[in-house]
Amino acid sequence: MSGHSRWSTIKRKKGAKDAKRGQLFSRLIKEITIAAKLGGGDADTNTRLRIAIATAKENNMPKGNIERAIRRGTGAEEGVNYEEVLYEAYGPGGVAFLLETLTDNRNRTVGEVRYILDKNGGSLAESGSVAWQFEKIGLIVIDDPKADPDRILDIALETGAEDINQEEGIIEIFTPVSKFHDVCTALDHAGIARSLSEISMRPKSTVRVEGKEAEKLLHLYELLEEHDDIQKVWANFDIPDEILSAVAEG
């Protein structure tokens, strides 16, 4: 398990996955809106929208909020016009970052992202200089102490999963993007609840960072996660478990 993945696992276990419910809903609404804008409002034919809606439902977003976001995305209802921008960056220790943003003001967002990076040992990178270090995958997380890991393993592998990690009672399933929906559906039919399911990015290799530099890196990571326009943060760091746990505990 990469350091980035391990860090996410620790934070989920401590119940700090997305900080505030309001912030999470804002991000989900943006994702639904842009998915509908790019691929149409029919979830049966728009895979990205289907995933966004499923994630919103998993997080108990009201049906009305979901429907309004779709209407705004398709232009059936007036709303904010979001633009999807991917930023590439470097952090302390030469760690590579990918930042997926949805913004209604590109100039504002890039200025704020640059400020956070510059003040915390990072810098924006040129387009293409970082993205090649990651691969797109499907990620499914199951956080249920009653779940049977062996049963989950069998179901996931039979329907196309390529890798499974288990850490502190949390099971992470990695799938090719083409098999993501199949694995989600199979788990649903088996009555296995998913705490997270998304199309994610996985680093092809990791950078080992330790000591004070590791603490600076995690602080930067959290600042970026907290920014309203940043939907997702991916990084290729590998940090010792004791540092990850100590920082997560504050």
Protein backbone atom coordinates (compact mmCIF):
# COMPACT_ATOMS: atom_id res chain seq x y z
CA MET A 1 0.00 0.00 0.00
CA SER A 2 1.45 3.36 -0.99
CA GLY A 3 1.91 6.09 1.62
CA HIS A 4 -0.85 8.15 0.04
CA SER A 5 -3.25 5.22 0.24
CA ARG A 6 -2.17 4.43 3.79
CA TRP A 7 -2.73 8.07 4.80
CA SER A 8 -6.26 7.98 3.35
CA THR A 9 -6.96 4.74 5.21
CA ILE A 10 -5.85 6.19 8.55
CA LYS A 11 -8.03 9.27 8.09
CA ARG A 12 -11.07 7.20 7.15
CA LYS A 13 -10.57 5.06 10.24
CA LYS A 14 -10.51 8.18 12.38
CA GLY A 15 -13.68 9.52 10.75
CA ALA A 16 -12.00 12.51 9.09
CA LYS A 17 -12.47 11.66 5.44
CA ASP A 18 -13.83 14.91 4.12
CA ALA A 19 -13.74 17.28 7.09
CA LYS A 20 -17.18 18.88 6.93
CA ARG A 21 -20.47 17.56 5.59
CA GLY A 22 -21.24 20.88 3.89
CA GLN A 23 -17.90 20.87 2.10
CA LEU A 24 -18.44 17.29 0.96
CA PHE A 25 -21.90 18.10 -0.41
CA SER A 26 -20.49 21.10 -2.28
CA ARG A 27 -17.88 18.90 -3.95
CA LEU A 28 -20.41 16.23 -4.86
CA ILE A 29 -22.79 18.80 -6.37
CA LYS A 30 -19.96 20.18 -8.50
CA GLU A 31 -19.05 16.69 -9.69
CA ILE A 32 -22.64 15.83 -10.61
CA THR A 33 -23.02 19.16 -12.44
CA ILE A 34 -19.85 18.78 -14.52
CA ALA A 35 -20.61 15.10 -15.24
CA ALA A 36 -24.06 16.04 -16.57
CA LYS A 37 -22.60 18.94 -18.54
CA LEU A 38 -19.99 16.78 -20.26
CA GLY A 39 -21.95 13.58 -20.80
CA GLY A 40 -25.65 14.41 -20.52
CA GLY A 41 -28.20 13.90 -17.78
CA ASP A 42 -28.94 10.19 -18.34
CA ALA A 43 -27.08 8.13 -15.74
CA ASP A 44 -27.70 4.93 -17.73
CA THR A 45 -25.48 6.17 -20.56
CA ASN A 46 -23.20 8.54 -18.61
CA THR A 47 -20.83 6.46 -16.48
CA ARG A 48 -19.29 9.44 -14.72
CA LEU A 49 -22.71 10.77 -13.75
CA ARG A 50 -23.79 7.34 -12.54
CA ILE A 51 -20.74 7.14 -10.25
CA ALA A 52 -21.28 10.69 -9.00
CA ILE A 53 -24.92 10.01 -8.16
CA ALA A 54 -24.04 6.76 -6.39
CA THR A 55 -21.40 8.55 -4.30
CA ALA A 56 -23.88 11.29 -3.40
CA LYS A 57 -26.46 8.73 -2.30
CA GLU A 58 -23.86 6.86 -0.25
CA ASN A 59 -23.26 10.14 1.59
CA ASN A 60 -27.00 10.71 2.16
CA MET A 61 -27.36 13.69 -0.15
CA PRO A 62 -31.06 14.58 -0.60
CA LYS A 63 -32.60 13.51 -3.92
CA GLY A 64 -33.63 17.10 -4.69
CA ASN A 65 -30.03 18.31 -4.49
CA ILE A 66 -28.94 15.61 -6.92
CA GLU A 67 -31.71 16.41 -9.40
CA ARG A 68 -30.99 20.15 -9.30
CA ALA A 69 -27.30 19.55 -9.94
CA ILE A 70 -28.15 17.44 -12.98
CA ARG A 71 -30.52 20.09 -14.34
CA ARG A 72 -27.87 22.77 -13.91
CA GLY A 73 -25.33 20.61 -15.69
CA THR A 74 -27.60 20.02 -18.68
CA GLY A 75 -28.65 23.66 -18.82
CA ALA A 76 -32.27 22.95 -17.88
CA GLU A 77 -31.86 25.16 -14.83
CA GLU A 78 -29.69 28.25 -14.40
CA GLY A 79 -26.65 27.83 -12.19
CA VAL A 80 -22.91 28.27 -11.84
CA ASN A 81 -20.86 27.26 -14.88
CA TYR A 82 -18.05 25.03 -13.60
CA GLU A 83 -14.88 24.23 -15.50
CA GLU A 84 -12.76 21.15 -14.86
CA VAL A 85 -9.03 21.85 -14.54
CA LEU A 86 -6.25 19.42 -13.60
CA TYR A 87 -3.19 20.96 -11.96
CA GLU A 88 0.16 19.22 -11.59
CA ALA A 89 2.55 20.12 -8.79
CA TYR A 90 5.50 19.12 -6.68
CA GLY A 91 5.66 19.07 -2.89
CA PRO A 92 8.41 18.66 -0.29
CA GLY A 93 10.81 15.84 -1.08
CA GLY A 94 10.02 15.98 -4.80
CA VAL A 95 6.64 14.30 -4.30
CA ALA A 96 4.32 14.55 -7.32
CA PHE A 97 0.78 15.90 -6.88
CA LEU A 98 -2.27 15.78 -9.12
CA LEU A 99 -5.05 18.20 -8.20
CA GLU A 100 -8.47 17.76 -9.77
CA THR A 101 -10.45 21.00 -9.55
CA LEU A 102 -13.88 22.27 -10.53
CA THR A 103 -14.01 26.03 -10.65
CA ASP A 104 -16.13 28.92 -11.84
CA ASN A 105 -13.05 31.16 -11.96
CA ARG A 106 -9.85 29.59 -13.27
CA ASN A 107 -7.68 32.63 -12.46
CA ARG A 108 -8.82 32.67 -8.84
CA THR A 109 -8.27 28.97 -8.38
CA VAL A 110 -4.80 28.81 -9.89
CA GLY A 111 -3.72 31.83 -7.84
CA GLU A 112 -4.95 30.27 -4.59
CA VAL A 113 -3.44 26.88 -5.38
CA ARG A 114 -0.09 28.47 -6.25
CA TYR A 115 -0.15 30.43 -2.98
CA ILE A 116 -0.77 27.28 -0.89
CA LEU A 117 2.03 25.44 -2.67
CA ASP A 118 4.55 28.29 -2.49
CA LYS A 119 3.96 28.83 1.23
CA ASN A 120 4.36 25.15 2.06
CA GLY A 121 7.39 23.95 0.14
CA GLY A 122 5.67 23.10 -3.13
CA SER A 123 5.32 24.49 -6.62
CA LEU A 124 3.10 24.21 -9.67
CA ALA A 125 4.51 22.03 -12.44
CA GLU A 126 4.15 22.21 -16.20
CA SER A 127 1.31 20.27 -17.79
CA GLY A 128 2.37 16.68 -18.47
CA SER A 129 5.35 16.68 -16.13
CA VAL A 130 3.52 14.83 -13.34
CA ALA A 131 0.45 13.10 -14.78
CA TRP A 132 2.47 10.32 -16.43
CA GLN A 133 3.49 9.11 -12.95
CA PHE A 134 -0.10 8.02 -12.20
CA GLU A 135 -2.57 5.54 -13.68
CA LYS A 136 -6.36 5.79 -13.65
CA ILE A 137 -8.11 3.05 -11.67
CA GLY A 138 -11.40 2.28 -9.96
CA LEU A 139 -11.26 2.43 -6.15
CA ILE A 140 -13.83 0.84 -3.84
CA VAL A 141 -13.51 1.05 -0.07
CA ILE A 142 -15.39 -1.13 2.40
CA ASP A 143 -15.29 -0.13 6.05
CA ASP A 144 -17.48 -2.67 7.83
CA PRO A 145 -16.18 -4.73 10.78
CA LYS A 146 -18.81 -7.38 10.07
CA ALA A 147 -17.77 -7.86 6.45
CA ASP A 148 -16.18 -11.17 5.44
CA PRO A 149 -12.85 -10.35 3.71
CA ASP A 150 -12.67 -13.75 1.98
CA ARG A 151 -16.16 -13.36 0.52
CA ILE A 152 -15.39 -9.84 -0.64
CA LEU A 153 -12.14 -11.05 -2.20
CA ASP A 154 -13.94 -13.81 -4.12
CA ILE A 155 -16.67 -11.48 -5.42
CA ALA A 156 -14.23 -8.73 -6.40
CA LEU A 157 -11.79 -10.99 -8.23
CA GLU A 158 -14.56 -12.86 -10.04
CA THR A 159 -15.93 -9.59 -11.42
CA GLY A 160 -12.64 -8.03 -12.54
CA ALA A 161 -10.77 -6.50 -9.59
CA GLU A 162 -7.01 -6.52 -10.02
CA ASP A 163 -5.77 -5.80 -6.49
CA ILE A 164 -7.09 -5.77 -2.90
CA ASN A 165 -5.56 -4.29 0.25
CA GLN A 166 -6.71 -4.77 3.82
CA GLU A 167 -5.57 -2.37 6.56
CA GLU A 168 -7.01 -1.85 10.05
CA GLY A 169 -10.36 -3.38 9.12
CA ILE A 170 -10.69 -1.34 5.92
CA ILE A 171 -10.69 -3.14 2.58
CA GLU A 172 -9.57 -1.29 -0.56
CA ILE A 173 -10.41 -2.81 -3.94
CA PHE A 174 -8.64 -1.61 -7.09
CA THR A 175 -10.18 -2.29 -10.49
CA PRO A 176 -9.53 -1.40 -14.12
CA VAL A 177 -11.84 1.50 -15.05
CA SER A 178 -13.68 -0.81 -17.47
CA LYS A 179 -14.57 -3.23 -14.63
CA PHE A 180 -15.38 -0.67 -11.94
CA HIS A 181 -19.15 -0.68 -12.43
CA ASP A 182 -19.25 -4.50 -12.63
CA VAL A 183 -17.47 -4.88 -9.27
CA CYS A 184 -19.68 -2.22 -7.62
CA THR A 185 -22.82 -3.94 -8.90
CA ALA A 186 -21.67 -7.37 -7.73
CA LEU A 187 -20.92 -6.07 -4.24
CA ASP A 188 -24.30 -4.33 -4.11
CA HIS A 189 -26.13 -7.51 -5.12
CA ALA A 190 -24.25 -9.36 -2.37
CA GLY A 191 -25.44 -6.81 0.19
CA ILE A 192 -21.94 -5.46 0.85
CA ALA A 193 -22.00 -1.74 1.65
CA ARG A 194 -19.43 0.52 0.01
CA SER A 195 -18.14 3.47 2.05
CA LEU A 196 -16.37 4.94 -0.98
CA SER A 197 -16.38 4.22 -4.71
CA GLU A 198 -14.72 6.46 -7.28
CA ILE A 199 -12.50 6.65 -10.31
CA SER A 200 -9.12 7.50 -8.80
CA MET A 201 -5.45 7.82 -9.70
CA ARG A 202 -2.76 5.46 -8.40
CA PRO A 203 0.96 6.29 -8.46
CA LYS A 204 3.11 3.97 -10.56
CA SER A 205 5.94 4.42 -8.04
CA THR A 206 6.40 6.28 -4.75
CA VAL A 207 8.87 8.70 -3.18
CA ARG A 208 10.06 7.98 0.37
CA VAL A 209 9.83 11.00 2.65
CA GLU A 210 10.69 11.03 6.36
CA GLY A 211 11.14 13.30 9.38
CA LYS A 212 10.12 16.96 9.39
CA GLU A 213 9.84 16.98 5.61
CA ALA A 214 7.18 14.27 5.85
CA GLU A 215 5.20 16.36 8.33
CA LYS A 216 5.41 19.39 6.01
CA LEU A 217 4.23 17.22 3.14
CA LEU A 218 1.16 15.97 5.00
CA HIS A 219 0.33 19.51 6.12
CA LEU A 220 0.42 20.64 2.49
CA TYR A 221 -1.72 17.69 1.45
CA GLU A 222 -4.40 18.60 3.99
CA LEU A 223 -4.40 22.28 3.03
CA LEU A 224 -4.98 21.32 -0.59
CA GLU A 225 -7.75 18.89 0.37
CA GLU A 226 -9.52 21.64 2.31
CA HIS A 227 -9.64 24.06 -0.64
CA ASP A 228 -13.21 24.42 -1.89
CA ASP A 229 -12.32 24.17 -5.59
CA ILE A 230 -10.13 21.07 -5.25
CA GLN A 231 -12.18 17.91 -5.69
CA LYS A 232 -9.44 15.33 -5.30
CA VAL A 233 -5.77 15.25 -4.34
CA TRP A 234 -3.42 12.45 -5.38
CA ALA A 235 0.25 12.16 -4.46
CA ASN A 236 2.99 9.55 -4.79
CA PHE A 237 4.54 9.76 -1.31
CA ASP A 238 5.64 6.90 0.91
CA ILE A 239 5.90 7.92 4.59
CA PRO A 240 6.67 5.68 7.62
CA ASP A 241 3.53 4.48 9.41
CA GLU A 242 4.54 6.02 12.73
CA ILE A 243 4.69 9.50 11.17
CA LEU A 244 1.36 9.04 9.38
CA SER A 245 -0.33 7.94 12.59
CA ALA A 246 1.25 10.67 14.72
CA VAL A 247 0.19 13.44 12.32
CA ALA A 248 -3.34 12.02 11.97
CA GLU A 249 -3.73 12.00 15.75
CA GLY A 250 -2.60 15.66 15.89
